[in-house]
Amino acid sequence: MAHSYYLYGSKSLDLQATRDSLISSLGVSFSSRESDFKGGVYHLARAQGFEKMTVEVNWVDEDGELVEQDFPEFSVLIYVTNPDEPVQSVLEEEISLQCLRIESVD
């Protein structure tokens, strides 16, 4: 089975505002977590319509590089695994989000 991985970014909203916007538009709940691997606090959701969604900052790693170096202007990143079409549509309609990358792996 193929897996799809979507990356969205926000230039205008901070971490909490992005999470709150997704709660409102998708009707999902997030748990707040903390991880050095994710740059500190991030938010995780698992719900019908997608396998996993994380909202995290585009943080600078121990080598001084942004996690998503190709998108330095995006301060907040949203990673979504296997979103269905309705979830994709909602994310595409979010005015504050931009789709940055889509990858499919068989």
C-alpha atoms as a PDB file:
ATOM      1  CA  MET A   1       0.000   0.000   0.000  1.00  0.00           C
ATOM      2  CA  ALA A   2       1.284   3.444  -0.909  1.00  0.00           C
ATOM      3  CA  HIS A   3       1.762   6.056   1.776  1.00  0.00           C
ATOM      4  CA  SER A   4       1.494   9.779   1.138  1.00  0.00           C
ATOM      5  CA  TYR A   5       3.287  12.455   3.098  1.00  0.00           C
ATOM      6  CA  TYR A   6       2.216  16.074   2.834  1.00  0.00           C
ATOM      7  CA  LEU A   7       4.066  19.103   4.140  1.00  0.00           C
ATOM      8  CA  TYR A   8       2.280  22.414   4.607  1.00  0.00           C
ATOM      9  CA  GLY A   9       3.720  25.615   5.967  1.00  0.00           C
ATOM     10  CA  SER A  10       2.549  28.881   7.457  1.00  0.00           C
ATOM     11  CA  LYS A  11       4.335  32.199   7.172  1.00  0.00           C
ATOM     12  CA  SER A  12       1.753  34.224   9.059  1.00  0.00           C
ATOM     13  CA  LEU A  13       0.610  32.141  12.049  1.00  0.00           C
ATOM     14  CA  ASP A  14       2.601  30.983  15.047  1.00  0.00           C
ATOM     15  CA  LEU A  15       2.532  27.425  16.415  1.00  0.00           C
ATOM     16  CA  GLN A  16      -0.508  27.862  18.675  1.00  0.00           C
ATOM     17  CA  ALA A  17      -2.535  29.860  16.139  1.00  0.00           C
ATOM     18  CA  THR A  18      -1.869  27.248  13.438  1.00  0.00           C
ATOM     19  CA  ARG A  19      -2.976  24.472  15.786  1.00  0.00           C
ATOM     20  CA  ASP A  20      -6.100  26.414  16.752  1.00  0.00           C
ATOM     21  CA  SER A  21      -6.951  27.054  13.105  1.00  0.00           C
ATOM     22  CA  LEU A  22      -6.670  23.326  12.322  1.00  0.00           C
ATOM     23  CA  ILE A  23      -8.814  22.426  15.337  1.00  0.00           C
ATOM     24  CA  SER A  24     -11.487  24.772  14.027  1.00  0.00           C
ATOM     25  CA  SER A  25     -11.354  23.731  10.371  1.00  0.00           C
ATOM     26  CA  LEU A  26     -10.876  19.963  10.818  1.00  0.00           C
ATOM     27  CA  GLY A  27     -12.617  19.399  14.149  1.00  0.00           C
ATOM     28  CA  VAL A  28      -9.679  17.407  15.536  1.00  0.00           C
ATOM     29  CA  SER A  29      -7.935  17.555  18.874  1.00  0.00           C
ATOM     30  CA  PHE A  30      -4.194  17.783  19.365  1.00  0.00           C
ATOM     31  CA  SER A  31      -2.024  16.647  22.222  1.00  0.00           C
ATOM     32  CA  SER A  32       0.951  18.836  23.079  1.00  0.00           C
ATOM     33  CA  ARG A  33       4.264  17.044  23.244  1.00  0.00           C
ATOM     34  CA  GLU A  34       7.870  17.979  23.744  1.00  0.00           C
ATOM     35  CA  SER A  35      10.847  16.518  21.927  1.00  0.00           C
ATOM     36  CA  ASP A  36      14.381  17.660  21.234  1.00  0.00           C
ATOM     37  CA  PHE A  37      14.069  15.802  17.926  1.00  0.00           C
ATOM     38  CA  LYS A  38      11.155  18.109  16.976  1.00  0.00           C
ATOM     39  CA  GLY A  39      12.703  21.314  18.289  1.00  0.00           C
ATOM     40  CA  GLY A  40      10.743  21.510  21.526  1.00  0.00           C
ATOM     41  CA  VAL A  41       6.973  21.720  21.843  1.00  0.00           C
ATOM     42  CA  TYR A  42       4.892  20.353  18.976  1.00  0.00           C
ATOM     43  CA  HIS A  43       1.292  19.234  18.560  1.00  0.00           C
ATOM     44  CA  LEU A  44       0.158  15.759  17.459  1.00  0.00           C
ATOM     45  CA  ALA A  45      -3.229  14.590  16.171  1.00  0.00           C
ATOM     46  CA  ARG A  46      -4.486  11.214  15.008  1.00  0.00           C
ATOM     47  CA  ALA A  47      -7.989  11.162  13.591  1.00  0.00           C
ATOM     48  CA  GLN A  48     -10.271   9.768  10.949  1.00  0.00           C
ATOM     49  CA  GLY A  49      -9.256  11.283   7.630  1.00  0.00           C
ATOM     50  CA  PHE A  50      -5.493  11.004   8.170  1.00  0.00           C
ATOM     51  CA  GLU A  51      -3.018   8.767   9.942  1.00  0.00           C
ATOM     52  CA  LYS A  52      -0.999  11.433  11.761  1.00  0.00           C
ATOM     53  CA  MET A  53      -0.642  15.216  11.762  1.00  0.00           C
ATOM     54  CA  THR A  54       2.017  17.235  13.549  1.00  0.00           C
ATOM     55  CA  VAL A  55       2.290  20.997  13.895  1.00  0.00           C
ATOM     56  CA  GLU A  56       5.813  22.094  14.686  1.00  0.00           C
ATOM     57  CA  VAL A  57       8.227  24.966  14.263  1.00  0.00           C
ATOM     58  CA  ASN A  58      10.829  25.083  11.492  1.00  0.00           C
ATOM     59  CA  TRP A  59      13.586  25.004  14.076  1.00  0.00           C
ATOM     60  CA  VAL A  60      17.358  25.237  13.822  1.00  0.00           C
ATOM     61  CA  ASP A  61      19.115  21.931  14.517  1.00  0.00           C
ATOM     62  CA  GLU A  62      22.422  21.316  16.306  1.00  0.00           C
ATOM     63  CA  ASP A  63      24.297  21.976  13.034  1.00  0.00           C
ATOM     64  CA  GLY A  64      22.721  25.418  12.713  1.00  0.00           C
ATOM     65  CA  GLU A  65      20.433  24.372   9.835  1.00  0.00           C
ATOM     66  CA  LEU A  66      16.678  24.721   9.585  1.00  0.00           C
ATOM     67  CA  VAL A  67      14.846  21.393   9.654  1.00  0.00           C
ATOM     68  CA  GLU A  68      13.215  22.309   6.332  1.00  0.00           C
ATOM     69  CA  GLN A  69      16.039  24.235   4.699  1.00  0.00           C
ATOM     70  CA  ASP A  70      14.163  24.622   1.414  1.00  0.00           C
ATOM     71  CA  PHE A  71      11.436  26.630   3.156  1.00  0.00           C
ATOM     72  CA  PRO A  72      13.145  29.156   5.459  1.00  0.00           C
ATOM     73  CA  GLU A  73      10.288  31.655   5.156  1.00  0.00           C
ATOM     74  CA  PHE A  74       7.844  29.209   6.773  1.00  0.00           C
ATOM     75  CA  SER A  75       8.101  29.386  10.555  1.00  0.00           C
ATOM     76  CA  VAL A  76       5.456  26.706  11.200  1.00  0.00           C
ATOM     77  CA  LEU A  77       5.286  23.295   9.506  1.00  0.00           C
ATOM     78  CA  ILE A  78       2.390  20.858   9.309  1.00  0.00           C
ATOM     79  CA  TYR A  79       3.238  17.248   8.448  1.00  0.00           C
ATOM     80  CA  VAL A  80       0.294  15.052   7.433  1.00  0.00           C
ATOM     81  CA  THR A  81       0.462  11.314   6.727  1.00  0.00           C
ATOM     82  CA  ASN A  82      -2.106   9.697   4.428  1.00  0.00           C
ATOM     83  CA  PRO A  83      -4.744  12.444   4.374  1.00  0.00           C
ATOM     84  CA  ASP A  84      -7.990  11.580   2.590  1.00  0.00           C
ATOM     85  CA  GLU A  85      -9.475  13.900  -0.029  1.00  0.00           C
ATOM     86  CA  PRO A  86     -11.774  15.829   2.342  1.00  0.00           C
ATOM     87  CA  VAL A  87      -8.831  16.602   4.657  1.00  0.00           C
ATOM     88  CA  GLN A  88      -6.681  17.614   1.691  1.00  0.00           C
ATOM     89  CA  SER A  89      -9.440  19.954   0.512  1.00  0.00           C
ATOM     90  CA  VAL A  90      -9.730  21.626   3.919  1.00  0.00           C
ATOM     91  CA  LEU A  91      -5.959  22.096   4.132  1.00  0.00           C
ATOM     92  CA  GLU A  92      -5.811  23.519   0.593  1.00  0.00           C
ATOM     93  CA  GLU A  93      -8.544  26.028   1.501  1.00  0.00           C
ATOM     94  CA  GLU A  94      -6.755  27.257   4.631  1.00  0.00           C
ATOM     95  CA  ILE A  95      -5.718  30.785   3.680  1.00  0.00           C
ATOM     96  CA  SER A  96      -2.742  30.756   6.060  1.00  0.00           C
ATOM     97  CA  LEU A  97      -1.297  27.453   4.765  1.00  0.00           C
ATOM     98  CA  GLN A  98       0.636  26.577   1.655  1.00  0.00           C
ATOM     99  CA  CYS A  99       1.379  23.075   0.384  1.00  0.00           C
ATOM    100  CA  LEU A 100       5.153  22.748   0.236  1.00  0.00           C
ATOM    101  CA  ARG A 101       5.748  19.113  -0.662  1.00  0.00           C
ATOM    102  CA  ILE A 102       3.925  15.882  -1.428  1.00  0.00           C
ATOM    103  CA  GLU A 103       5.709  12.526  -1.428  1.00  0.00           C
ATOM    104  CA  SER A 104       4.322   9.074  -2.146  1.00  0.00           C
ATOM    105  CA  VAL A 105       6.121   5.905  -1.136  1.00  0.00           C
ATOM    106  CA  ASP A 106       5.062   2.414  -2.214  1.00  0.00           C
END
